[in-house]
């Protein structure tokens, strides 16, 4: 069955770094745009970063530009999110998302918590 499993979250101090990883299975990873979203308590889920299947388009939310980097590896079916210079406002549940590039098919991971606090 389809699975998107996130890992790498946790507690980090402001200014610190974390690397999230999402491992996919059960679908043809190389035909999906992969994205990261996040949802803070009391707020709506918001887009963070995305990379198309071939890597020709990479987009970031303004709030994370220059601090977050998305990496995908089609051979390993993984998409990572490297986060540096973390701020308390980056605290949220982070979700991995897969969107098919030709059909209205999408999948979500279960989410992983990132907490930025001293």
C-alpha atoms as a PDB file:
ATOM      1  CA  UNK A   1       0.000   0.000   0.000  1.00  0.00           C
ATOM      2  CA  UNK A   2       0.977   3.646  -0.334  1.00  0.00           C
ATOM      3  CA  UNK A   3       3.136   5.000   2.445  1.00  0.00           C
ATOM      4  CA  UNK A   4       4.874   8.285   3.107  1.00  0.00           C
ATOM      5  CA  UNK A   5       6.902   8.042   6.287  1.00  0.00           C
ATOM      6  CA  UNK A   6       8.509  11.141   7.747  1.00  0.00           C
ATOM      7  CA  UNK A   7      11.467  11.083  10.120  1.00  0.00           C
ATOM      8  CA  UNK A   8      14.041  13.433  11.614  1.00  0.00           C
ATOM      9  CA  UNK A   9      11.841  15.808  13.589  1.00  0.00           C
ATOM     10  CA  UNK A  10      12.342  16.846  17.173  1.00  0.00           C
ATOM     11  CA  UNK A  11      13.250  19.688  19.485  1.00  0.00           C
ATOM     12  CA  UNK A  12      15.908  22.187  18.466  1.00  0.00           C
ATOM     13  CA  UNK A  13      17.027  25.552  19.801  1.00  0.00           C
ATOM     14  CA  UNK A  14      16.525  28.744  17.790  1.00  0.00           C
ATOM     15  CA  UNK A  15      19.261  29.037  15.200  1.00  0.00           C
ATOM     16  CA  UNK A  16      19.692  25.300  15.043  1.00  0.00           C
ATOM     17  CA  UNK A  17      19.255  22.847  12.186  1.00  0.00           C
ATOM     18  CA  UNK A  18      17.225  19.756  11.418  1.00  0.00           C
ATOM     19  CA  UNK A  19      16.890  17.511   8.422  1.00  0.00           C
ATOM     20  CA  UNK A  20      13.538  15.874   7.747  1.00  0.00           C
ATOM     21  CA  UNK A  21      13.290  12.829   5.548  1.00  0.00           C
ATOM     22  CA  UNK A  22      10.287  11.278   3.799  1.00  0.00           C
ATOM     23  CA  UNK A  23      10.479   7.732   2.475  1.00  0.00           C
ATOM     24  CA  UNK A  24       7.852   6.744  -0.081  1.00  0.00           C
ATOM     25  CA  UNK A  25       6.561   3.347  -1.115  1.00  0.00           C
ATOM     26  CA  UNK A  26       3.620   1.827  -2.946  1.00  0.00           C
ATOM     27  CA  UNK A  27       3.555   4.205  -5.917  1.00  0.00           C
ATOM     28  CA  UNK A  28       5.767   5.363  -8.780  1.00  0.00           C
ATOM     29  CA  UNK A  29       7.729   8.045  -6.970  1.00  0.00           C
ATOM     30  CA  UNK A  30       9.360   9.448 -10.103  1.00  0.00           C
ATOM     31  CA  UNK A  31       6.002  10.585 -11.538  1.00  0.00           C
ATOM     32  CA  UNK A  32       5.017  12.696  -8.540  1.00  0.00           C
ATOM     33  CA  UNK A  33       5.853  16.211  -7.451  1.00  0.00           C
ATOM     34  CA  UNK A  34       7.025  15.999  -3.853  1.00  0.00           C
ATOM     35  CA  UNK A  35       6.297  18.705  -1.336  1.00  0.00           C
ATOM     36  CA  UNK A  36       6.536  19.583   2.318  1.00  0.00           C
ATOM     37  CA  UNK A  37       3.753  21.346   4.182  1.00  0.00           C
ATOM     38  CA  UNK A  38       3.433  22.344   7.810  1.00  0.00           C
ATOM     39  CA  UNK A  39       0.692  23.127  10.271  1.00  0.00           C
ATOM     40  CA  UNK A  40       1.170  25.059  13.461  1.00  0.00           C
ATOM     41  CA  UNK A  41      -1.316  24.792  16.350  1.00  0.00           C
ATOM     42  CA  UNK A  42      -4.441  26.814  15.599  1.00  0.00           C
ATOM     43  CA  UNK A  43      -3.354  27.572  12.045  1.00  0.00           C
ATOM     44  CA  UNK A  44      -4.118  26.161   8.630  1.00  0.00           C
ATOM     45  CA  UNK A  45      -1.738  23.836   6.862  1.00  0.00           C
ATOM     46  CA  UNK A  46       0.665  25.822   4.694  1.00  0.00           C
ATOM     47  CA  UNK A  47       3.006  25.080   1.829  1.00  0.00           C
ATOM     48  CA  UNK A  48       6.726  24.972   2.611  1.00  0.00           C
ATOM     49  CA  UNK A  49       8.623  23.607  -0.408  1.00  0.00           C
ATOM     50  CA  UNK A  50       8.192  21.494  -3.531  1.00  0.00           C
ATOM     51  CA  UNK A  51      10.254  19.798  -6.209  1.00  0.00           C
ATOM     52  CA  UNK A  52       8.909  18.372  -9.456  1.00  0.00           C
ATOM     53  CA  UNK A  53       9.681  14.829 -10.548  1.00  0.00           C
ATOM     54  CA  UNK A  54      12.642  15.851 -12.700  1.00  0.00           C
ATOM     55  CA  UNK A  55      13.846  18.579 -10.386  1.00  0.00           C
ATOM     56  CA  UNK A  56      13.308  21.262 -13.019  1.00  0.00           C
ATOM     57  CA  UNK A  57      11.086  23.297 -10.716  1.00  0.00           C
ATOM     58  CA  UNK A  58      11.805  23.913  -7.048  1.00  0.00           C
ATOM     59  CA  UNK A  59       9.714  26.385  -5.079  1.00  0.00           C
ATOM     60  CA  UNK A  60       9.784  27.628  -1.495  1.00  0.00           C
ATOM     61  CA  UNK A  61       7.463  29.624   0.694  1.00  0.00           C
ATOM     62  CA  UNK A  62       8.787  33.138   1.242  1.00  0.00           C
ATOM     63  CA  UNK A  63       9.077  32.501   4.967  1.00  0.00           C
ATOM     64  CA  UNK A  64      11.649  29.716   4.485  1.00  0.00           C
ATOM     65  CA  UNK A  65      13.600  30.898   1.441  1.00  0.00           C
ATOM     66  CA  UNK A  66      17.317  30.840   2.070  1.00  0.00           C
ATOM     67  CA  UNK A  67      16.923  28.675   5.168  1.00  0.00           C
ATOM     68  CA  UNK A  68      15.267  25.479   3.910  1.00  0.00           C
ATOM     69  CA  UNK A  69      16.388  23.250   1.052  1.00  0.00           C
ATOM     70  CA  UNK A  70      14.415  20.404  -0.498  1.00  0.00           C
ATOM     71  CA  UNK A  71      16.225  17.376  -1.934  1.00  0.00           C
ATOM     72  CA  UNK A  72      14.694  14.409  -3.699  1.00  0.00           C
ATOM     73  CA  UNK A  73      16.332  11.154  -4.697  1.00  0.00           C
ATOM     74  CA  UNK A  74      14.296   9.218  -7.244  1.00  0.00           C
ATOM     75  CA  UNK A  75      16.562   6.192  -6.903  1.00  0.00           C
ATOM     76  CA  UNK A  76      15.859   5.940  -3.167  1.00  0.00           C
ATOM     77  CA  UNK A  77      12.252   7.236  -3.220  1.00  0.00           C
ATOM     78  CA  UNK A  78      13.080   9.883  -0.670  1.00  0.00           C
ATOM     79  CA  UNK A  79      12.578  13.596  -0.296  1.00  0.00           C
ATOM     80  CA  UNK A  80      14.417  15.497   2.422  1.00  0.00           C
ATOM     81  CA  UNK A  81      14.005  18.957   3.854  1.00  0.00           C
ATOM     82  CA  UNK A  82      17.168  20.518   5.237  1.00  0.00           C
ATOM     83  CA  UNK A  83      16.297  23.306   7.658  1.00  0.00           C
ATOM     84  CA  UNK A  84      18.823  25.772   9.050  1.00  0.00           C
ATOM     85  CA  UNK A  85      18.569  28.963  11.100  1.00  0.00           C
ATOM     86  CA  UNK A  86      15.380  27.643  12.641  1.00  0.00           C
ATOM     87  CA  UNK A  87      13.038  30.077  14.366  1.00  0.00           C
ATOM     88  CA  UNK A  88      10.324  29.550  16.955  1.00  0.00           C
ATOM     89  CA  UNK A  89       7.758  30.322  14.272  1.00  0.00           C
ATOM     90  CA  UNK A  90       8.946  27.246  12.351  1.00  0.00           C
ATOM     91  CA  UNK A  91       7.411  25.110  15.093  1.00  0.00           C
ATOM     92  CA  UNK A  92       4.771  22.934  13.464  1.00  0.00           C
ATOM     93  CA  UNK A  93       3.792  19.469  12.360  1.00  0.00           C
ATOM     94  CA  UNK A  94       5.545  18.875   9.044  1.00  0.00           C
ATOM     95  CA  UNK A  95       3.874  16.747   6.364  1.00  0.00           C
ATOM     96  CA  UNK A  96       5.264  15.068   3.282  1.00  0.00           C
ATOM     97  CA  UNK A  97       2.999  15.274   0.214  1.00  0.00           C
ATOM     98  CA  UNK A  98       3.040  13.520  -3.153  1.00  0.00           C
ATOM     99  CA  UNK A  99       1.031  14.896  -6.081  1.00  0.00           C
ATOM    100  CA  UNK A 100       0.799  13.083  -9.417  1.00  0.00           C
ATOM    101  CA  UNK A 101       1.837  15.353 -12.252  1.00  0.00           C
ATOM    102  CA  UNK A 102      -0.806  14.189 -14.754  1.00  0.00           C
ATOM    103  CA  UNK A 103      -3.689  12.875 -12.630  1.00  0.00           C
ATOM    104  CA  UNK A 104      -5.590  14.221  -9.585  1.00  0.00           C
ATOM    105  CA  UNK A 105      -3.939  11.762  -7.219  1.00  0.00           C
ATOM    106  CA  UNK A 106      -2.219  12.772  -4.017  1.00  0.00           C
ATOM    107  CA  UNK A 107      -0.904  11.231  -0.835  1.00  0.00           C
ATOM    108  CA  UNK A 108      -0.003  12.595   2.584  1.00  0.00           C
ATOM    109  CA  UNK A 109       2.340  11.401   5.263  1.00  0.00           C
ATOM    110  CA  UNK A 110       1.251  11.180   8.878  1.00  0.00           C
ATOM    111  CA  UNK A 111       3.331  14.187   9.879  1.00  0.00           C
ATOM    112  CA  UNK A 112       6.273  14.760  12.168  1.00  0.00           C
ATOM    113  CA  UNK A 113       6.685  17.362  14.892  1.00  0.00           C
ATOM    114  CA  UNK A 114       9.342  20.057  14.752  1.00  0.00           C
ATOM    115  CA  UNK A 115       9.658  22.269  17.827  1.00  0.00           C
ATOM    116  CA  UNK A 116      12.003  25.252  17.916  1.00  0.00           C
ATOM    117  CA  UNK A 117      12.431  26.460  21.468  1.00  0.00           C
ATOM    118  CA  UNK A 118      15.082  27.370  23.988  1.00  0.00           C
END
